[in-house]
C-alpha atoms as a PDB file:
ATOM      1  CA  MET A   1      78.374-151.014 -84.064  1.00  0.00           C
ATOM      2  CA  ILE A   2      78.789-150.311 -88.063  1.00  0.00           C
ATOM      3  CA  LYS A   3      75.922-151.687 -90.023  1.00  0.00           C
ATOM      4  CA  LYS A   4      75.538-151.983 -93.823  1.00  0.00           C
ATOM      5  CA  GLU A   5      73.572-149.098 -93.823  1.00  0.00           C
ATOM      6  CA  HIS A   6      76.473-146.833 -92.736  1.00  0.00           C
ATOM      7  CA  GLY A   7      77.908-147.493 -96.036  1.00  0.00           C
ATOM      8  CA  ARG A   8      75.407-145.596 -98.081  1.00  0.00           C
ATOM      9  CA  LEU A   9      77.397-142.590 -99.462  1.00  0.00           C
ATOM     10  CA  ASP A  10      76.459-139.064 -98.370  1.00  0.00           C
ATOM     11  CA  PHE A  11      77.318-136.050-101.206  1.00  0.00           C
ATOM     12  CA  SER A  12      76.528-133.578 -98.967  1.00  0.00           C
ATOM     13  CA  GLN A  13      80.132-134.569 -97.250  1.00  0.00           C
ATOM     14  CA  PRO A  14      83.384-133.480 -98.722  1.00  0.00           C
ATOM     15  CA  ALA A  15      84.654-135.833-101.510  1.00  0.00           C
ATOM     16  CA  ARG A  16      87.774-136.417 -99.279  1.00  0.00           C
ATOM     17  CA  TYR A  17      85.417-137.726 -96.307  1.00  0.00           C
ATOM     18  CA  LEU A  18      83.800-139.732 -98.903  1.00  0.00           C
ATOM     19  CA  GLU A  19      86.947-141.744-100.145  1.00  0.00           C
ATOM     20  CA  ARG A  20      88.137-142.482 -96.979  1.00  0.00           C
ATOM     21  CA  LYS A  21      85.156-143.457 -96.186  1.00  0.00           C
ATOM     22  CA  ILE A  22      84.901-145.747 -98.935  1.00  0.00           C
ATOM     23  CA  ARG A  23      88.675-147.028 -98.256  1.00  0.00           C
ATOM     24  CA  ALA A  24      87.751-147.831 -94.851  1.00  0.00           C
ATOM     25  CA  PHE A  25      84.299-149.907 -95.371  1.00  0.00           C
ATOM     26  CA  ASP A  26      85.992-151.848 -97.651  1.00  0.00           C
ATOM     27  CA  PRO A  27      85.564-155.187 -97.731  1.00  0.00           C
ATOM     28  CA  TRP A  28      82.624-154.665 -94.930  1.00  0.00           C
ATOM     29  CA  PRO A  29      79.862-153.058 -94.988  1.00  0.00           C
ATOM     30  CA  GLY A  30      81.232-151.270 -98.118  1.00  0.00           C
ATOM     31  CA  SER A  31      80.014-147.895 -99.639  1.00  0.00           C
ATOM     32  CA  TYR A  32      77.466-147.541-101.753  1.00  0.00           C
ATOM     33  CA  ASP A  33      74.669-145.525-103.649  1.00  0.00           C
ATOM     34  CA  TYR A  34      71.857-146.012-105.968  1.00  0.00           C
ATOM     35  CA  TRP A  35      71.374-145.999-109.828  1.00  0.00           C
ATOM     36  CA  ASN A  36      68.467-146.943-111.606  1.00  0.00           C
ATOM     37  CA  ASN A  37      66.514-148.405-108.701  1.00  0.00           C
ATOM     38  CA  GLN A  38      69.248-150.574-107.408  1.00  0.00           C
ATOM     39  CA  VAL A  39      72.361-150.623-105.083  1.00  0.00           C
ATOM     40  CA  LEU A  40      75.767-149.491-106.850  1.00  0.00           C
ATOM     41  CA  LYS A  41      78.396-150.647-104.813  1.00  0.00           C
ATOM     42  CA  ILE A  42      81.574-148.077-104.994  1.00  0.00           C
ATOM     43  CA  HIS A  43      85.052-150.062-104.293  1.00  0.00           C
ATOM     44  CA  HIS A  44      87.659-147.501-105.173  1.00  0.00           C
ATOM     45  CA  ALA A  45      87.503-144.045-105.923  1.00  0.00           C
ATOM     46  CA  HIS A  46      89.705-140.669-105.864  1.00  0.00           C
ATOM     47  CA  VAL A  47      88.813-137.214-105.257  1.00  0.00           C
ATOM     48  CA  VAL A  48      89.054-134.146-107.582  1.00  0.00           C
ATOM     49  CA  GLU A  49      89.477-130.631-106.313  1.00  0.00           C
ATOM     50  CA  ALA A  50      86.980-128.738-108.334  1.00  0.00           C
ATOM     51  CA  PRO A  51      84.450-126.481-107.786  1.00  0.00           C
ATOM     52  CA  VAL A  52      80.755-127.796-108.436  1.00  0.00           C
ATOM     53  CA  ALA A  53      77.285-126.310-108.694  1.00  0.00           C
ATOM     54  CA  GLN A  54      75.407-128.754-106.574  1.00  0.00           C
ATOM     55  CA  PRO A  55      76.285-131.859-104.459  1.00  0.00           C
ATOM     56  CA  GLY A  56      75.036-135.157-105.330  1.00  0.00           C
ATOM     57  CA  HIS A  57      74.879-134.899-108.930  1.00  0.00           C
ATOM     58  CA  LYS A  58      76.178-137.910-111.338  1.00  0.00           C
ATOM     59  CA  ILE A  59      78.750-136.423-113.477  1.00  0.00           C
ATOM     60  CA  ILE A  60      81.276-137.369-116.526  1.00  0.00           C
ATOM     61  CA  TYR A  61      85.065-136.469-115.335  1.00  0.00           C
ATOM     62  CA  HIS A  62      87.399-137.118-118.112  1.00  0.00           C
ATOM     63  CA  GLY A  63      85.561-139.971-119.088  1.00  0.00           C
ATOM     64  CA  TRP A  64      84.869-141.777-115.768  1.00  0.00           C
ATOM     65  CA  PRO A  65      81.337-141.843-113.609  1.00  0.00           C
ATOM     66  CA  ALA A  66      81.847-139.329-110.982  1.00  0.00           C
ATOM     67  CA  TYR A  67      79.858-137.399-108.165  1.00  0.00           C
ATOM     68  CA  SER A  68      79.182-133.773-107.203  1.00  0.00           C
ATOM     69  CA  THR A  69      80.265-133.443-103.606  1.00  0.00           C
ATOM     70  CA  ALA A  70      80.142-130.552-100.816  1.00  0.00           C
ATOM     71  CA  GLU A  71      83.673-130.033-101.376  1.00  0.00           C
ATOM     72  CA  GLY A  72      85.214-131.355-104.520  1.00  0.00           C
ATOM     73  CA  ILE A  73      84.408-134.407-107.220  1.00  0.00           C
ATOM     74  CA  LEU A  74      84.436-137.904-106.299  1.00  0.00           C
ATOM     75  CA  VAL A  75      85.790-140.175-109.396  1.00  0.00           C
ATOM     76  CA  ILE A  76      84.585-143.542-109.416  1.00  0.00           C
ATOM     77  CA  ASP A  77      87.559-145.334-110.202  1.00  0.00           C
ATOM     78  CA  GLU A  78      86.204-149.231-109.301  1.00  0.00           C
ATOM     79  CA  LEU A  79      82.455-150.225-108.780  1.00  0.00           C
ATOM     80  CA  GLN A  80      79.982-153.012-109.155  1.00  0.00           C
ATOM     81  CA  PRO A  81      76.394-152.586-110.389  1.00  0.00           C
ATOM     82  CA  ALA A  82      73.650-154.958-108.873  1.00  0.00           C
ATOM     83  CA  GLY A  83      74.350-158.638-110.021  1.00  0.00           C
ATOM     84  CA  ARG A  84      77.214-157.721-111.848  1.00  0.00           C
ATOM     85  CA  ASN A  85      80.889-158.432-111.690  1.00  0.00           C
ATOM     86  CA  ARG A  86      83.603-155.542-110.449  1.00  0.00           C
ATOM     87  CA  THR A  87      84.349-153.089-113.231  1.00  0.00           C
ATOM     88  CA  ASN A  88      86.338-150.022-113.980  1.00  0.00           C
ATOM     89  CA  GLY A  89      84.228-146.721-114.256  1.00  0.00           C
ATOM     90  CA  LYS A  90      85.597-146.477-117.762  1.00  0.00           C
ATOM     91  CA  SER A  91      84.229-149.836-119.021  1.00  0.00           C
ATOM     92  CA  PHE A  92      81.286-149.152-116.851  1.00  0.00           C
ATOM     93  CA  LEU A  93      80.360-145.614-118.335  1.00  0.00           C
ATOM     94  CA  GLN A  94      80.280-147.747-122.086  1.00  0.00           C
ATOM     95  CA  GLY A  95      77.001-149.227-121.055  1.00  0.00           C
ATOM     96  CA  ALA A  96      75.530-146.760-118.482  1.00  0.00           C
ATOM     97  CA  ARG A  97      73.959-144.452-120.990  1.00  0.00           C
ATOM     98  CA  ASN A  98      71.612-142.736-118.446  1.00  0.00           C
ATOM     99  CA  TRP A  99      74.686-142.103-116.072  1.00  0.00           C
ATOM    100  CA  GLY A 100      74.798-138.226-115.328  1.00  0.00           C
ATOM    101  CA  LYS A 101      71.831-137.635-117.452  1.00  0.00           C
ATOM    102  CA  ASN A 102      70.122-134.987-115.721  1.00  0.00           C
ATOM    103  CA  PHE A 103      73.448-133.055-115.188  1.00  0.00           C
ATOM    104  CA  LYS A 104      74.582-132.260-118.839  1.00  0.00           C
ATOM    105  CA  VAL A 105      78.058-130.388-117.784  1.00  0.00           C
ATOM    106  CA  LYS A 106      80.936-132.800-118.791  1.00  0.00           C
ATOM    107  CA  TYR A 107      84.261-132.187-116.973  1.00  0.00           C
ATOM    108  CA  GLY A 108      87.172-132.503-119.516  1.00  0.00           C
END
């Protein structure tokens, strides 16, 4: 039986696995992570095959929010911050000043 907590993304997994999980769990139970101590729902993402230093870092890839994973980069195409409407990743980054603040490398 799938439960809501199964939607939490584990970035120690490969990006391809996570992208498929996001598609499979849409619309229920949904996929999510936490940002600023609130749920950040992930609705659509794609994979970029690139080497990463350490899984789980929030990074910026060609102006899009992304996560480093065990294998590759998971680029977030559409997301939904807590209490807000769905938005695309580029629009989200315009107001998300601290995305990737702990990881200074920006790809592209």
